[in-house]
Protein backbone atom coordinates (compact mmCIF):
# COMPACT_ATOMS: atom_id res chain seq x y z
CA UNK A 1 -76.90 50.61 27.16
CA UNK A 2 -74.90 49.57 24.10
CA UNK A 3 -74.50 53.24 23.04
CA UNK A 4 -73.24 54.16 26.52
CA UNK A 5 -70.64 51.40 26.37
CA UNK A 6 -69.47 52.50 22.93
CA UNK A 7 -69.29 56.10 24.13
CA UNK A 8 -67.29 55.07 27.19
CA UNK A 9 -64.85 53.03 25.11
CA UNK A 10 -64.42 55.89 22.65
CA UNK A 11 -63.68 58.26 25.51
CA UNK A 12 -61.41 56.03 27.58
CA UNK A 13 -59.42 54.28 24.83
CA UNK A 14 -57.56 57.42 23.62
CA UNK A 15 -56.69 58.31 27.21
CA UNK A 16 -55.30 54.83 27.86
CA UNK A 17 -53.19 55.06 24.70
CA UNK A 18 -51.98 58.54 25.59
CA UNK A 19 -51.00 57.65 29.14
CA UNK A 20 -49.33 54.41 28.12
CA UNK A 21 -47.17 56.41 25.72
CA UNK A 22 -46.43 58.93 28.44
CA UNK A 23 -45.20 56.31 30.86
CA UNK A 24 -43.09 54.41 28.37
CA UNK A 25 -39.54 53.86 29.47
CA UNK A 26 -38.08 53.31 26.00
CA UNK A 27 -35.99 56.33 25.02
CA UNK A 28 -37.09 56.42 21.37
CA UNK A 29 -40.70 56.56 22.51
CA UNK A 30 -39.86 59.90 24.13
CA UNK A 31 -38.48 61.25 20.85
CA UNK A 32 -41.50 60.06 18.89
CA UNK A 33 -43.96 61.34 21.48
CA UNK A 34 -42.18 64.71 21.37
CA UNK A 35 -42.51 64.81 17.60
CA UNK A 36 -46.22 64.05 17.82
CA UNK A 37 -46.66 66.77 20.44
CA UNK A 38 -44.74 69.27 18.29
CA UNK A 39 -46.96 68.52 15.29
CA UNK A 40 -49.92 69.47 17.49
CA UNK A 41 -48.15 72.69 18.61
CA UNK A 42 -47.81 71.26 22.14
CA UNK A 43 -44.33 72.67 22.56
CA UNK A 44 -44.11 72.31 26.35
CA UNK A 45 -44.90 68.60 26.04
CA UNK A 46 -42.38 68.21 23.22
CA UNK A 47 -39.71 69.94 25.31
CA UNK A 48 -40.48 67.68 28.26
CA UNK A 49 -40.15 64.55 26.11
CA UNK A 50 -36.91 65.59 24.43
CA UNK A 51 -35.34 66.59 27.74
CA UNK A 52 -36.35 63.20 29.10
CA UNK A 53 -34.65 61.53 26.14
CA UNK A 54 -31.52 63.61 26.68
CA UNK A 55 -31.27 62.25 30.22
CA UNK A 56 -30.57 58.86 28.61
CA UNK A 57 -28.77 60.03 25.46
CA UNK A 58 -27.15 63.39 26.35
CA UNK A 59 -25.10 63.53 23.14
CA UNK A 60 -28.03 63.10 20.75
CA UNK A 61 -27.61 65.80 18.13
CA UNK A 62 -31.13 65.17 16.82
CA UNK A 63 -32.71 65.62 20.25
CA UNK A 64 -30.77 68.84 20.85
CA UNK A 65 -31.88 70.06 17.41
CA UNK A 66 -35.51 69.21 18.18
CA UNK A 67 -35.25 70.99 21.51
CA UNK A 68 -33.75 74.03 19.79
CA UNK A 69 -36.68 74.19 17.36
CA UNK A 70 -39.15 73.93 20.24
CA UNK A 71 -37.43 76.69 22.21
CA UNK A 72 -37.39 78.89 19.12
CA UNK A 73 -41.13 78.29 18.60
CA UNK A 74 -41.72 79.41 22.18
CA UNK A 75 -39.59 82.54 21.70
CA UNK A 76 -36.84 81.27 24.00
CA UNK A 77 -34.03 82.44 21.74
CA UNK A 78 -31.06 82.03 24.07
CA UNK A 79 -32.12 78.50 25.02
CA UNK A 80 -32.61 77.67 21.34
CA UNK A 81 -29.12 78.94 20.51
CA UNK A 82 -27.60 76.82 23.30
CA UNK A 83 -29.35 73.72 21.97
CA UNK A 84 -28.33 74.39 18.37
CA UNK A 85 -24.73 74.82 19.55
CA UNK A 86 -24.91 71.45 21.31
CA UNK A 87 -26.50 69.78 18.29
CA UNK A 88 -23.69 71.06 16.08
CA UNK A 89 -21.08 70.03 18.63
CA UNK A 90 -22.33 66.43 18.53
CA UNK A 91 -22.92 66.26 14.77
CA UNK A 92 -21.30 69.19 12.95
CA UNK A 93 -21.83 67.70 9.49
CA UNK A 94 -25.59 67.03 9.74
CA UNK A 95 -27.17 68.98 6.88
CA UNK A 96 -30.57 69.22 8.56
CA UNK A 97 -29.13 70.66 11.77
CA UNK A 98 -26.90 73.07 9.82
CA UNK A 99 -29.86 74.26 7.76
CA UNK A 100 -31.98 74.80 10.88
CA UNK A 101 -29.11 76.63 12.56
CA UNK A 102 -28.47 78.90 9.58
CA UNK A 103 -32.14 79.87 9.37
CA UNK A 104 -32.30 80.34 13.14
CA UNK A 105 -29.23 82.60 13.16
CA UNK A 106 -30.80 84.86 10.51
CA UNK A 107 -33.88 85.29 12.69
CA UNK A 108 -31.79 85.52 15.86
CA UNK A 109 -29.52 88.25 14.49
CA UNK A 110 -32.53 90.22 13.21
CA UNK A 111 -34.07 90.17 16.70
CA UNK A 112 -30.95 90.18 18.84
CA UNK A 113 -31.65 93.59 20.36
CA UNK A 114 -35.19 92.52 21.35
CA UNK A 115 -34.21 89.22 22.94
CA UNK A 116 -34.10 89.27 26.74
CA UNK A 117 -30.88 87.84 28.10
CA UNK A 118 -31.05 84.66 30.15
CA UNK A 119 -30.62 85.30 33.86
């Protein structure tokens, strides 16, 4: 009986933690949850979280940069470019964003002919 209880707690506890993070209404929790998802290669979840954050903070250069990285990882080149452009619009001097954008543009230009245009 004791082993069953321990097993149940070990199974349920992570789910409770996960869902409590998912339902959090604090904007920074969305950013952090997106980062955790990205580190696990859960790019759709990361995109969802960063878009949710952008609903509250639409001029967040960091969130647009994160979204751009996620789109690039998914092969959504045009969407990534749009997000990098927004990130640079909101914080043109950010070295991290500029570095990401420069590296992205090298890859983007190399594949430009292969990239399907957004409808």
